[in-house]
Amino acid sequence: MSASAPVPSPVRPPWLIPLAIAVVLGGAVAAAALYFLGGARLVAEARQAWATAFAAFSAAGPAAFFGAMAVLPLFGFPVSPFSLAAGPLFGASLGTPAVLACGITAITINLTLAYWLARRALRPLLARLVARLGYRLPAASGEDATGLVILVRVTPGPPFFVQNYLLGLADVPFGRYLGWSVLVQGAFGTAVMLFGDALAQGRGRIAFLALGLLAGLVIATRLVRRHLSRGKANP
């Protein structure tokens, strides 16, 4: 029996590498131009806005801050700014463990409220909103519910509040929804809160460890998403 011929490797177009270099250099030049032509002013204004917001949150106290962290994401506000600011604002007064506990509690309350709104109070309105945003309602049944929750949580694209409403509208059992959601979102939130707290207190080693944790979580979610996608393609 004759040996099979080796599979030829794909031919890379000769213009591909020069094009990639040109795109990277062009983007760098454009970013530099925007910065010097007005980007510096925008950066300064953004820093001033964040400083004002930090001062307001600090004056309001941790109860108001973590209460807002639990409620505002229901209306589309991203949760990551809260996670990043929690340590710098309250790490010194409350301590890092208390900040992490308060942050995870706020995320858990938000997940619970979003599920209740999607299943009960605002179901018709949220169904129309999700459809208008271009997302298709997932369907969950039996053991598929766990895989659906994990897949939605590790798939990039839908914002945090859209993920919550999608899973609530899909009638995912509350225990699985909350348990897996807290596990995934809590892990990312913990890493971000640790990073912000370490930067505020000048703990470079902890900051690098938090960045490493974030990188590990991103890699893990990609692997999990790839595994679940293959499982759905090959039942």
Protein backbone atom coordinates (compact mmCIF):
# COMPACT_ATOMS: atom_id res chain seq x y z
CA MET A 1 0.00 0.00 0.00
CA SER A 2 1.45 3.33 -1.01
CA ALA A 3 1.92 5.98 1.61
CA SER A 4 -0.52 8.82 1.46
CA ALA A 5 0.82 12.11 0.22
CA PRO A 6 1.39 14.75 2.85
CA VAL A 7 -1.21 17.46 3.05
CA PRO A 8 0.30 20.69 1.72
CA SER A 9 0.29 23.60 4.10
CA PRO A 10 -1.83 26.56 3.08
CA VAL A 11 -0.04 29.11 0.94
CA ARG A 12 0.24 32.49 2.61
CA PRO A 13 -0.28 35.38 0.19
CA PRO A 14 2.93 37.42 -0.14
CA TRP A 15 1.07 40.66 0.51
CA LEU A 16 -0.47 39.49 3.83
CA ILE A 17 2.40 40.42 6.18
CA PRO A 18 3.06 43.86 4.60
CA LEU A 19 -0.68 44.59 4.78
CA ALA A 20 -0.83 43.63 8.47
CA ILE A 21 2.20 45.81 9.25
CA ALA A 22 0.65 48.71 7.33
CA VAL A 23 -2.63 48.37 9.23
CA VAL A 24 -0.86 48.32 12.61
CA LEU A 25 1.34 51.30 11.76
CA GLY A 26 -1.61 53.20 10.32
CA GLY A 27 -3.64 52.59 13.45
CA ALA A 28 -0.76 53.76 15.65
CA VAL A 29 -0.31 56.93 13.59
CA ALA A 30 -4.06 57.64 13.65
CA ALA A 31 -4.23 57.10 17.42
CA ALA A 32 -1.25 59.45 17.95
CA ALA A 33 -2.80 62.08 15.71
CA LEU A 34 -6.13 61.91 17.53
CA TYR A 35 -4.35 62.19 20.86
CA PHE A 36 -2.32 65.28 19.95
CA LEU A 37 -5.18 66.94 18.04
CA GLY A 38 -7.69 66.65 20.86
CA GLY A 39 -7.34 63.30 22.52
CA ALA A 40 -5.33 64.78 25.40
CA ARG A 41 -8.21 67.10 26.24
CA LEU A 42 -10.69 64.21 26.11
CA VAL A 43 -8.47 62.11 28.37
CA ALA A 44 -8.19 64.97 30.85
CA GLU A 45 -11.96 65.49 30.82
CA ALA A 46 -12.57 61.77 31.33
CA ARG A 47 -10.16 61.73 34.28
CA GLN A 48 -11.91 64.74 35.79
CA ALA A 49 -15.32 63.08 35.35
CA TRP A 50 -14.07 59.92 37.04
CA ALA A 51 -12.55 61.96 39.88
CA THR A 52 -15.87 63.74 40.41
CA ALA A 53 -17.77 60.45 40.37
CA PHE A 54 -15.29 58.89 42.79
CA ALA A 55 -15.69 61.82 45.18
CA ALA A 56 -19.48 61.55 45.04
CA PHE A 57 -19.47 57.80 45.63
CA SER A 58 -16.95 58.12 48.44
CA ALA A 59 -19.07 60.77 50.15
CA ALA A 60 -22.23 58.67 49.74
CA GLY A 61 -20.64 55.74 51.53
CA PRO A 62 -20.32 52.02 50.80
CA ALA A 63 -24.03 51.27 51.24
CA ALA A 64 -25.00 53.69 48.47
CA PHE A 65 -22.12 52.56 46.25
CA PHE A 66 -22.81 48.84 46.46
CA GLY A 67 -26.55 49.49 46.29
CA ALA A 68 -26.00 51.30 43.00
CA MET A 69 -23.78 48.42 41.88
CA ALA A 70 -26.70 46.06 42.48
CA VAL A 71 -29.39 48.18 40.79
CA LEU A 72 -27.90 50.27 37.96
CA PRO A 73 -26.76 47.30 35.82
CA LEU A 74 -30.44 46.34 35.52
CA PHE A 75 -30.76 49.35 33.21
CA GLY A 76 -27.69 48.63 31.12
CA PHE A 77 -25.00 50.34 33.18
CA PRO A 78 -21.79 48.25 33.03
CA VAL A 79 -20.77 46.56 36.26
CA SER A 80 -17.02 46.70 35.56
CA PRO A 81 -16.56 50.39 36.57
CA PHE A 82 -18.06 49.57 39.97
CA SER A 83 -15.75 46.57 40.36
CA LEU A 84 -12.72 48.64 39.40
CA ALA A 85 -13.62 51.54 41.71
CA ALA A 86 -14.65 49.52 44.78
CA GLY A 87 -11.12 48.93 46.03
CA PRO A 88 -9.77 52.47 45.55
CA LEU A 89 -12.85 53.94 47.26
CA PHE A 90 -13.34 51.61 50.20
CA GLY A 91 -10.38 49.23 50.40
CA ALA A 92 -8.55 51.33 52.99
CA SER A 93 -11.59 51.84 55.24
CA LEU A 94 -13.36 48.47 54.90
CA GLY A 95 -10.48 46.17 54.03
CA THR A 96 -10.03 44.09 50.91
CA PRO A 97 -12.01 41.01 52.10
CA ALA A 98 -15.03 43.17 53.01
CA VAL A 99 -14.89 44.96 49.65
CA LEU A 100 -14.83 41.64 47.81
CA ALA A 101 -17.72 40.32 49.91
CA CYS A 102 -19.80 43.45 49.29
CA GLY A 103 -19.04 43.35 45.56
CA ILE A 104 -20.04 39.70 45.19
CA THR A 105 -23.19 40.36 47.25
CA ALA A 106 -24.12 43.27 44.95
CA ILE A 107 -23.60 41.09 41.86
CA THR A 108 -25.72 38.33 43.40
CA ILE A 109 -28.55 40.77 44.18
CA ASN A 110 -28.40 42.14 40.65
CA LEU A 111 -28.58 38.64 39.16
CA THR A 112 -31.57 37.80 41.35
CA LEU A 113 -33.44 41.00 40.48
CA ALA A 114 -32.77 40.58 36.76
CA TYR A 115 -34.07 37.01 36.84
CA TRP A 116 -37.24 38.08 38.63
CA LEU A 117 -37.84 40.94 36.20
CA ALA A 118 -37.34 38.66 33.19
CA ARG A 119 -39.53 35.85 34.53
CA ARG A 120 -42.30 37.86 36.13
CA ALA A 121 -42.64 41.64 36.20
CA LEU A 122 -41.40 42.81 32.79
CA ARG A 123 -41.38 39.66 30.67
CA PRO A 124 -43.31 41.01 27.59
CA LEU A 125 -41.37 44.28 27.59
CA LEU A 126 -38.00 42.57 27.98
CA ALA A 127 -38.81 40.04 25.26
CA ARG A 128 -39.44 42.89 22.82
CA LEU A 129 -36.31 44.72 23.98
CA VAL A 130 -34.10 41.66 23.49
CA ALA A 131 -35.59 41.05 20.04
CA ARG A 132 -35.03 44.69 19.08
CA LEU A 133 -31.40 44.45 20.16
CA GLY A 134 -31.00 41.59 17.71
CA TYR A 135 -30.63 38.70 20.16
CA ARG A 136 -32.54 35.45 19.80
CA LEU A 137 -34.13 34.00 22.89
CA PRO A 138 -32.36 30.75 23.85
CA ALA A 139 -34.30 27.64 24.74
CA ALA A 140 -33.42 25.50 27.75
CA SER A 141 -34.82 22.16 28.77
CA GLY A 142 -33.67 19.66 31.38
CA GLU A 143 -29.93 19.14 31.61
CA ASP A 144 -29.35 21.55 28.73
CA ALA A 145 -30.06 24.43 31.11
CA THR A 146 -26.67 24.19 32.79
CA GLY A 147 -24.82 24.16 29.48
CA LEU A 148 -26.89 27.11 28.27
CA VAL A 149 -26.08 29.20 31.34
CA ILE A 150 -22.36 28.51 31.01
CA LEU A 151 -22.37 29.12 27.26
CA VAL A 152 -24.15 32.48 27.60
CA ARG A 153 -21.78 33.57 30.37
CA VAL A 154 -18.58 32.72 28.49
CA THR A 155 -19.70 34.00 25.08
CA PRO A 156 -18.42 37.52 24.28
CA GLY A 157 -20.83 40.01 22.81
CA PRO A 158 -24.04 40.33 24.84
CA PRO A 159 -23.65 42.82 27.70
CA PHE A 160 -24.06 41.64 31.27
CA PHE A 161 -27.65 42.84 31.65
CA VAL A 162 -28.66 41.30 28.29
CA GLN A 163 -27.19 37.95 29.39
CA ASN A 164 -29.25 38.10 32.58
CA TYR A 165 -32.49 38.87 30.77
CA LEU A 166 -31.84 36.25 28.08
CA LEU A 167 -31.39 33.52 30.67
CA GLY A 168 -34.41 34.65 32.65
CA LEU A 169 -36.60 34.71 29.55
CA ALA A 170 -35.32 31.23 28.65
CA ASP A 171 -36.89 29.88 31.88
CA VAL A 172 -33.58 28.52 33.14
CA PRO A 173 -34.02 27.07 36.67
CA PHE A 174 -33.12 29.73 39.20
CA GLY A 175 -30.65 27.60 41.17
CA ARG A 176 -28.54 26.77 38.12
CA TYR A 177 -28.81 30.32 36.79
CA LEU A 178 -27.67 31.91 40.03
CA GLY A 179 -25.02 29.36 40.96
CA TRP A 180 -23.18 29.33 37.64
CA SER A 181 -23.66 33.06 37.06
CA VAL A 182 -22.20 33.95 40.46
CA LEU A 183 -19.32 31.56 39.82
CA VAL A 184 -18.41 33.11 36.45
CA GLN A 185 -19.24 36.75 37.10
CA GLY A 186 -17.96 36.59 40.65
CA ALA A 187 -14.59 35.30 39.45
CA PHE A 188 -14.20 38.14 36.97
CA GLY A 189 -15.51 40.69 39.48
CA THR A 190 -13.08 39.47 42.13
CA ALA A 191 -10.13 39.79 39.75
CA VAL A 192 -11.14 43.33 38.73
CA MET A 193 -11.75 44.42 42.33
CA LEU A 194 -8.39 42.99 43.40
CA PHE A 195 -6.68 44.82 40.55
CA GLY A 196 -8.27 48.17 41.38
CA ASP A 197 -7.56 47.78 45.09
CA ALA A 198 -3.93 46.79 44.46
CA LEU A 199 -3.36 49.81 42.21
CA ALA A 200 -4.88 52.16 44.77
CA GLN A 201 -2.69 50.80 47.58
CA GLY A 202 0.46 50.48 45.48
CA ARG A 203 0.65 46.69 45.70
CA GLY A 204 2.32 45.88 42.42
CA ARG A 205 2.61 42.16 43.04
CA ILE A 206 -1.10 41.81 43.82
CA ALA A 207 -1.94 43.87 40.73
CA PHE A 208 0.10 41.53 38.52
CA LEU A 209 -1.52 38.51 40.17
CA ALA A 210 -4.96 40.00 39.48
CA LEU A 211 -4.03 40.59 35.84
CA GLY A 212 -2.81 37.01 35.64
CA LEU A 213 -6.09 35.82 37.10
CA LEU A 214 -8.01 37.84 34.52
CA ALA A 215 -5.91 36.42 31.70
CA GLY A 216 -6.43 32.90 33.03
CA LEU A 217 -10.19 33.45 33.23
CA VAL A 218 -10.31 34.73 29.65
CA ILE A 219 -8.39 31.69 28.41
CA ALA A 220 -10.58 29.34 30.47
CA THR A 221 -13.79 30.86 29.11
CA ARG A 222 -12.53 30.47 25.54
CA LEU A 223 -11.70 26.81 26.14
CA VAL A 224 -15.06 26.17 27.77
CA ARG A 225 -16.89 27.96 24.96
CA ARG A 226 -15.02 25.93 22.35
CA HIS A 227 -15.81 22.69 24.18
CA LEU A 228 -19.51 23.52 24.49
CA SER A 229 -19.72 24.61 20.85
CA ARG A 230 -18.20 21.33 19.71
CA GLY A 231 -20.61 19.43 21.92
CA LYS A 232 -23.59 21.20 20.35
CA ALA A 233 -22.23 20.60 16.85
CA ASN A 234 -21.58 16.88 17.56
CA PRO A 235 -24.40 15.65 19.83
